[in-house]
């Protein structure tokens, strides 16, 4: 993701299950539900190269792969890219920001900006 600006370049990626990500979602987002990916920007804005952590729910990835009729590995890649983009400052809380983020995500996935 060379074209994106970042304060660091070290990222931890944790692959987990519904139970673990639900606990994180409850603790840090106040939502007692599972989700597909969580990203925590832990950069301090200084000279540290550490950007943050991404948690990818492999159980949700499997369900979504079936739902959207894509391969499991493609869905895991999509969720990982989605998390990285959040660490880089992308948002998906409005229709416009979601469209921009998804186009970028699908471009990095090799879909030329076209979604699932």
N, C-alpha and C. Protein backbone atom coordinates (compact mmCIF):
# COMPACT_ATOMS: atom_id res chain seq x y z
N UNK A 1 0.83 -1.17 0.00
CA UNK A 1 0.00 0.00 0.00
C UNK A 1 0.88 1.24 0.00
N UNK A 2 1.76 1.24 -0.93
CA UNK A 2 2.75 2.31 -1.00
C UNK A 2 2.14 3.68 -1.26
N UNK A 3 0.99 3.73 -1.92
CA UNK A 3 0.38 5.01 -2.26
C UNK A 3 -0.30 5.70 -1.09
N UNK A 4 -0.47 5.02 0.00
CA UNK A 4 -1.15 5.59 1.16
C UNK A 4 -0.13 6.15 2.13
N UNK A 5 -0.53 7.18 2.83
CA UNK A 5 0.36 7.81 3.81
C UNK A 5 0.16 7.18 5.18
N UNK A 6 1.27 6.91 5.83
CA UNK A 6 1.20 6.30 7.16
C UNK A 6 2.32 6.83 8.03
N UNK A 7 2.07 6.87 9.34
CA UNK A 7 3.08 7.29 10.27
C UNK A 7 4.04 6.18 10.62
N UNK A 8 3.71 4.97 10.32
CA UNK A 8 4.54 3.82 10.62
C UNK A 8 4.33 2.76 9.59
N UNK A 9 5.08 1.68 9.74
CA UNK A 9 4.90 0.60 8.78
C UNK A 9 4.89 -0.77 9.42
N UNK A 10 4.89 -0.84 10.72
CA UNK A 10 4.80 -2.13 11.42
C UNK A 10 3.37 -2.32 11.92
N UNK A 11 2.81 -3.47 11.58
CA UNK A 11 1.44 -3.79 11.95
C UNK A 11 1.41 -5.21 12.50
N UNK A 12 0.66 -5.41 13.57
CA UNK A 12 0.39 -6.76 14.07
C UNK A 12 -0.98 -7.17 13.56
N UNK A 13 -1.07 -8.37 13.01
CA UNK A 13 -2.34 -8.91 12.54
C UNK A 13 -2.63 -10.16 13.36
N UNK A 14 -3.79 -10.16 14.00
CA UNK A 14 -4.21 -11.28 14.83
C UNK A 14 -5.44 -11.91 14.18
N UNK A 15 -5.34 -13.19 13.89
CA UNK A 15 -6.48 -13.93 13.34
C UNK A 15 -7.17 -14.62 14.50
N UNK A 16 -8.46 -14.37 14.65
CA UNK A 16 -9.19 -14.84 15.83
C UNK A 16 -10.55 -15.39 15.43
N UNK A 17 -11.35 -15.68 16.44
CA UNK A 17 -12.68 -16.27 16.24
C UNK A 17 -13.74 -15.33 16.82
N UNK A 18 -15.00 -15.71 16.64
CA UNK A 18 -16.13 -14.89 17.13
C UNK A 18 -15.97 -14.49 18.59
N UNK A 19 -15.64 -15.45 19.41
CA UNK A 19 -15.57 -15.22 20.87
C UNK A 19 -14.57 -14.12 21.22
N UNK A 20 -13.37 -14.20 20.64
CA UNK A 20 -12.33 -13.22 20.96
C UNK A 20 -12.68 -11.83 20.44
N UNK A 21 -13.17 -11.76 19.21
CA UNK A 21 -13.45 -10.44 18.63
C UNK A 21 -14.68 -9.80 19.27
N UNK A 22 -15.63 -10.62 19.72
CA UNK A 22 -16.79 -10.09 20.44
C UNK A 22 -16.35 -9.44 21.75
N UNK A 23 -15.43 -10.09 22.45
CA UNK A 23 -14.91 -9.52 23.71
C UNK A 23 -14.20 -8.19 23.45
N UNK A 24 -13.41 -8.12 22.39
CA UNK A 24 -12.72 -6.88 22.04
C UNK A 24 -13.71 -5.80 21.63
N UNK A 25 -14.69 -6.18 20.84
CA UNK A 25 -15.70 -5.23 20.38
C UNK A 25 -16.49 -4.66 21.56
N UNK A 26 -16.80 -5.51 22.53
CA UNK A 26 -17.52 -5.07 23.74
C UNK A 26 -16.64 -4.13 24.56
N UNK A 27 -15.39 -4.52 24.77
CA UNK A 27 -14.50 -3.73 25.62
C UNK A 27 -14.13 -2.38 25.02
N UNK A 28 -13.84 -2.34 23.73
CA UNK A 28 -13.31 -1.12 23.13
C UNK A 28 -14.31 -0.31 22.32
N UNK A 29 -15.37 -0.94 21.85
CA UNK A 29 -16.36 -0.23 21.03
C UNK A 29 -17.73 -0.17 21.70
N UNK A 30 -17.89 -0.89 22.83
CA UNK A 30 -19.16 -0.89 23.53
C UNK A 30 -20.26 -1.67 22.83
N UNK A 31 -19.87 -2.56 21.91
CA UNK A 31 -20.84 -3.36 21.16
C UNK A 31 -20.68 -4.83 21.52
N UNK A 32 -21.70 -5.41 22.09
CA UNK A 32 -21.64 -6.81 22.50
C UNK A 32 -22.10 -7.71 21.35
N UNK A 33 -21.30 -7.70 20.28
CA UNK A 33 -21.61 -8.49 19.09
C UNK A 33 -20.32 -8.80 18.34
N UNK A 34 -20.41 -9.83 17.52
CA UNK A 34 -19.25 -10.18 16.72
C UNK A 34 -19.12 -9.20 15.55
N UNK A 35 -17.96 -9.16 14.97
CA UNK A 35 -17.71 -8.33 13.79
C UNK A 35 -16.64 -9.02 12.97
N UNK A 36 -16.41 -8.53 11.77
CA UNK A 36 -15.44 -9.20 10.90
C UNK A 36 -14.01 -8.73 11.11
N UNK A 37 -13.82 -7.45 11.39
CA UNK A 37 -12.47 -6.93 11.57
C UNK A 37 -12.50 -5.73 12.52
N UNK A 38 -11.48 -5.64 13.35
CA UNK A 38 -11.26 -4.48 14.21
C UNK A 38 -9.84 -3.99 13.99
N UNK A 39 -9.67 -2.68 13.98
CA UNK A 39 -8.34 -2.09 13.82
C UNK A 39 -8.12 -1.08 14.93
N UNK A 40 -6.96 -1.14 15.53
CA UNK A 40 -6.60 -0.23 16.61
C UNK A 40 -5.33 0.51 16.22
N UNK A 41 -5.45 1.80 15.96
CA UNK A 41 -4.28 2.61 15.62
C UNK A 41 -3.55 2.93 16.91
N UNK A 42 -2.36 2.39 17.05
CA UNK A 42 -1.58 2.56 18.28
C UNK A 42 -0.33 3.38 18.06
N UNK A 43 -0.25 4.06 16.92
CA UNK A 43 0.93 4.88 16.67
C UNK A 43 0.88 6.09 17.58
N UNK A 44 2.04 6.53 17.98
CA UNK A 44 2.10 7.68 18.88
C UNK A 44 2.38 8.97 18.12
N UNK A 45 2.46 8.88 16.79
CA UNK A 45 2.72 10.07 15.99
C UNK A 45 4.17 10.49 15.98
N UNK A 46 5.00 9.77 16.72
CA UNK A 46 6.42 10.10 16.77
C UNK A 46 7.23 9.31 15.76
N UNK A 47 8.44 8.98 16.14
CA UNK A 47 9.34 8.29 15.22
C UNK A 47 9.15 6.78 15.24
N UNK A 48 8.32 6.28 16.13
CA UNK A 48 8.05 4.85 16.21
C UNK A 48 7.41 4.37 14.91
N UNK A 49 7.85 3.23 14.41
CA UNK A 49 7.30 2.67 13.18
C UNK A 49 6.04 1.85 13.40
N UNK A 50 5.59 1.72 14.64
CA UNK A 50 4.44 0.87 14.92
C UNK A 50 3.14 1.61 14.59
N UNK A 51 2.34 1.02 13.70
CA UNK A 51 1.09 1.64 13.29
C UNK A 51 -0.10 1.14 14.11
N UNK A 52 -0.15 -0.16 14.40
CA UNK A 52 -1.26 -0.65 15.19
C UNK A 52 -1.52 -2.13 15.02
N UNK A 53 -2.73 -2.53 15.45
CA UNK A 53 -3.13 -3.94 15.43
C UNK A 53 -4.42 -4.10 14.64
N UNK A 54 -4.50 -5.23 13.93
CA UNK A 54 -5.71 -5.60 13.22
C UNK A 54 -6.12 -6.97 13.71
N UNK A 55 -7.41 -7.12 14.02
CA UNK A 55 -7.97 -8.41 14.42
C UNK A 55 -8.95 -8.84 13.33
N UNK A 56 -8.70 -9.98 12.73
CA UNK A 56 -9.54 -10.51 11.66
C UNK A 56 -10.25 -11.76 12.17
N UNK A 57 -11.56 -11.76 12.10
CA UNK A 57 -12.38 -12.87 12.57
C UNK A 57 -12.49 -13.92 11.46
N UNK A 58 -11.80 -15.03 11.63
CA UNK A 58 -11.79 -16.07 10.60
C UNK A 58 -13.13 -16.79 10.47
N UNK A 59 -13.88 -16.89 11.56
CA UNK A 59 -15.21 -17.50 11.45
C UNK A 59 -16.14 -16.62 10.61
N UNK A 60 -16.09 -15.33 10.84
CA UNK A 60 -16.91 -14.40 10.06
C UNK A 60 -16.44 -14.39 8.61
N UNK A 61 -15.14 -14.47 8.40
CA UNK A 61 -14.62 -14.52 7.03
C UNK A 61 -15.17 -15.73 6.28
N UNK A 62 -15.24 -16.86 6.95
CA UNK A 62 -15.78 -18.07 6.32
C UNK A 62 -17.26 -17.87 5.96
N UNK A 63 -18.04 -17.30 6.88
CA UNK A 63 -19.46 -17.07 6.61
C UNK A 63 -19.65 -16.07 5.46
N UNK A 64 -18.88 -15.01 5.48
CA UNK A 64 -19.01 -13.99 4.44
C UNK A 64 -18.54 -14.52 3.09
N UNK A 65 -17.53 -15.35 3.07
CA UNK A 65 -17.07 -15.94 1.81
C UNK A 65 -18.20 -16.74 1.17
N UNK A 66 -18.90 -17.51 1.98
CA UNK A 66 -20.04 -18.28 1.46
C UNK A 66 -21.15 -17.35 0.98
N UNK A 67 -21.46 -16.35 1.80
CA UNK A 67 -22.54 -15.41 1.48
C UNK A 67 -22.27 -14.66 0.17
N UNK A 68 -21.04 -14.20 0.00
CA UNK A 68 -20.70 -13.39 -1.17
C UNK A 68 -20.11 -14.20 -2.32
N UNK A 69 -20.03 -15.52 -2.11
CA UNK A 69 -19.54 -16.45 -3.13
C UNK A 69 -18.15 -16.06 -3.64
N UNK A 70 -17.26 -15.87 -2.67
CA UNK A 70 -15.85 -15.65 -2.96
C UNK A 70 -15.07 -16.70 -2.18
N UNK A 71 -13.81 -16.86 -2.49
CA UNK A 71 -13.02 -17.85 -1.76
C UNK A 71 -12.75 -17.34 -0.34
N UNK A 72 -12.54 -18.29 0.53
CA UNK A 72 -12.21 -17.96 1.92
C UNK A 72 -10.94 -17.11 1.98
N UNK A 73 -9.92 -17.50 1.24
CA UNK A 73 -8.66 -16.74 1.27
C UNK A 73 -8.85 -15.32 0.74
N UNK A 74 -9.70 -15.15 -0.26
CA UNK A 74 -9.96 -13.81 -0.78
C UNK A 74 -10.66 -12.95 0.28
N UNK A 75 -11.59 -13.54 1.01
CA UNK A 75 -12.30 -12.78 2.04
C UNK A 75 -11.36 -12.42 3.19
N UNK A 76 -10.47 -13.33 3.57
CA UNK A 76 -9.49 -13.01 4.62
C UNK A 76 -8.59 -11.87 4.16
N UNK A 77 -8.16 -11.91 2.91
CA UNK A 77 -7.34 -10.81 2.37
C UNK A 77 -8.12 -9.50 2.39
N UNK A 78 -9.39 -9.56 1.98
CA UNK A 78 -10.23 -8.35 1.95
C UNK A 78 -10.34 -7.74 3.35
N UNK A 79 -10.59 -8.56 4.33
CA UNK A 79 -10.73 -8.05 5.70
C UNK A 79 -9.42 -7.49 6.23
N UNK A 80 -8.32 -8.14 5.88
CA UNK A 80 -7.00 -7.65 6.30
C UNK A 80 -6.72 -6.29 5.67
N UNK A 81 -6.96 -6.17 4.38
CA UNK A 81 -6.78 -4.88 3.69
C UNK A 81 -7.69 -3.83 4.30
N UNK A 82 -8.92 -4.19 4.60
CA UNK A 82 -9.87 -3.26 5.21
C UNK A 82 -9.30 -2.73 6.54
N UNK A 83 -8.76 -3.63 7.35
CA UNK A 83 -8.16 -3.21 8.61
C UNK A 83 -6.97 -2.29 8.42
N UNK A 84 -6.11 -2.61 7.46
CA UNK A 84 -4.94 -1.76 7.19
C UNK A 84 -5.41 -0.36 6.77
N UNK A 85 -6.40 -0.30 5.92
CA UNK A 85 -6.90 1.01 5.49
C UNK A 85 -7.44 1.82 6.67
N UNK A 86 -8.10 1.16 7.62
CA UNK A 86 -8.53 1.88 8.83
C UNK A 86 -7.33 2.43 9.58
N UNK A 87 -6.26 1.65 9.69
CA UNK A 87 -5.06 2.14 10.38
C UNK A 87 -4.45 3.33 9.66
N UNK A 88 -4.64 3.39 8.36
CA UNK A 88 -4.10 4.49 7.57
C UNK A 88 -5.02 5.71 7.57
N UNK A 89 -6.15 5.61 8.30
CA UNK A 89 -7.02 6.76 8.45
C UNK A 89 -8.30 6.72 7.63
N UNK A 90 -8.51 5.69 6.85
CA UNK A 90 -9.75 5.58 6.09
C UNK A 90 -10.91 5.33 7.05
N UNK A 91 -12.06 5.88 6.69
CA UNK A 91 -13.27 5.70 7.49
C UNK A 91 -14.36 5.12 6.60
N UNK A 92 -15.34 4.50 7.23
CA UNK A 92 -16.47 3.96 6.48
C UNK A 92 -17.79 4.23 7.18
N UNK A 93 -17.86 5.38 7.84
CA UNK A 93 -19.05 5.70 8.62
C UNK A 93 -20.04 6.59 7.88
N UNK A 94 -19.72 7.00 6.66
CA UNK A 94 -20.68 7.70 5.81
C UNK A 94 -20.70 7.01 4.46
N UNK A 95 -21.72 7.28 3.69
CA UNK A 95 -21.83 6.66 2.37
C UNK A 95 -20.64 7.02 1.48
N UNK A 96 -20.25 8.29 1.49
CA UNK A 96 -19.13 8.74 0.66
C UNK A 96 -17.80 8.14 1.11
N UNK A 97 -17.56 8.15 2.43
CA UNK A 97 -16.28 7.61 2.92
C UNK A 97 -16.23 6.10 2.71
N UNK A 98 -17.36 5.44 2.86
CA UNK A 98 -17.43 3.99 2.64
C UNK A 98 -17.13 3.66 1.18
N UNK A 99 -17.71 4.42 0.25
CA UNK A 99 -17.48 4.18 -1.17
C UNK A 99 -16.01 4.37 -1.52
N UNK A 100 -15.39 5.41 -0.99
CA UNK A 100 -13.97 5.66 -1.25
C UNK A 100 -13.11 4.54 -0.68
N UNK A 101 -13.40 4.15 0.56
CA UNK A 101 -12.62 3.10 1.20
C UNK A 101 -12.77 1.78 0.47
N UNK A 102 -14.01 1.42 0.10
CA UNK A 102 -14.24 0.15 -0.58
C UNK A 102 -13.59 0.12 -1.96
N UNK A 103 -13.62 1.24 -2.68
CA UNK A 103 -12.96 1.28 -3.99
C UNK A 103 -11.47 1.04 -3.83
N UNK A 104 -10.87 1.67 -2.84
CA UNK A 104 -9.44 1.49 -2.58
C UNK A 104 -9.16 0.05 -2.16
N UNK A 105 -9.98 -0.47 -1.27
CA UNK A 105 -9.82 -1.84 -0.78
C UNK A 105 -9.88 -2.84 -1.93
N UNK A 106 -10.88 -2.71 -2.79
CA UNK A 106 -11.03 -3.65 -3.90
C UNK A 106 -9.92 -3.48 -4.92
N UNK A 107 -9.42 -2.27 -5.07
CA UNK A 107 -8.28 -2.04 -5.96
C UNK A 107 -7.05 -2.79 -5.46
N UNK A 108 -6.78 -2.69 -4.17
CA UNK A 108 -5.64 -3.42 -3.60
C UNK A 108 -5.85 -4.93 -3.66
N UNK A 109 -7.09 -5.35 -3.60
CA UNK A 109 -7.39 -6.78 -3.68
C UNK A 109 -7.25 -7.28 -5.12
N UNK A 110 -7.20 -6.36 -6.06
CA UNK A 110 -7.03 -6.74 -7.46
C UNK A 110 -8.33 -6.80 -8.23
N UNK A 111 -9.38 -6.20 -7.67
CA UNK A 111 -10.69 -6.21 -8.32
C UNK A 111 -10.97 -4.91 -9.06
N UNK A 112 -9.97 -4.05 -9.18
CA UNK A 112 -10.16 -2.80 -9.92
C UNK A 112 -11.23 -1.89 -9.36
N UNK A 113 -11.47 -1.96 -8.06
CA UNK A 113 -12.47 -1.10 -7.44
C UNK A 113 -13.86 -1.68 -7.40
N UNK A 114 -14.04 -2.87 -7.97
CA UNK A 114 -15.36 -3.52 -7.96
C UNK A 114 -15.49 -4.40 -6.74
N UNK A 115 -16.59 -4.27 -6.04
CA UNK A 115 -16.81 -5.03 -4.81
C UNK A 115 -17.14 -6.48 -5.03
N UNK A 116 -17.51 -7.14 -3.93
CA UNK A 116 -17.79 -8.58 -3.95
C UNK A 116 -18.85 -8.88 -4.95
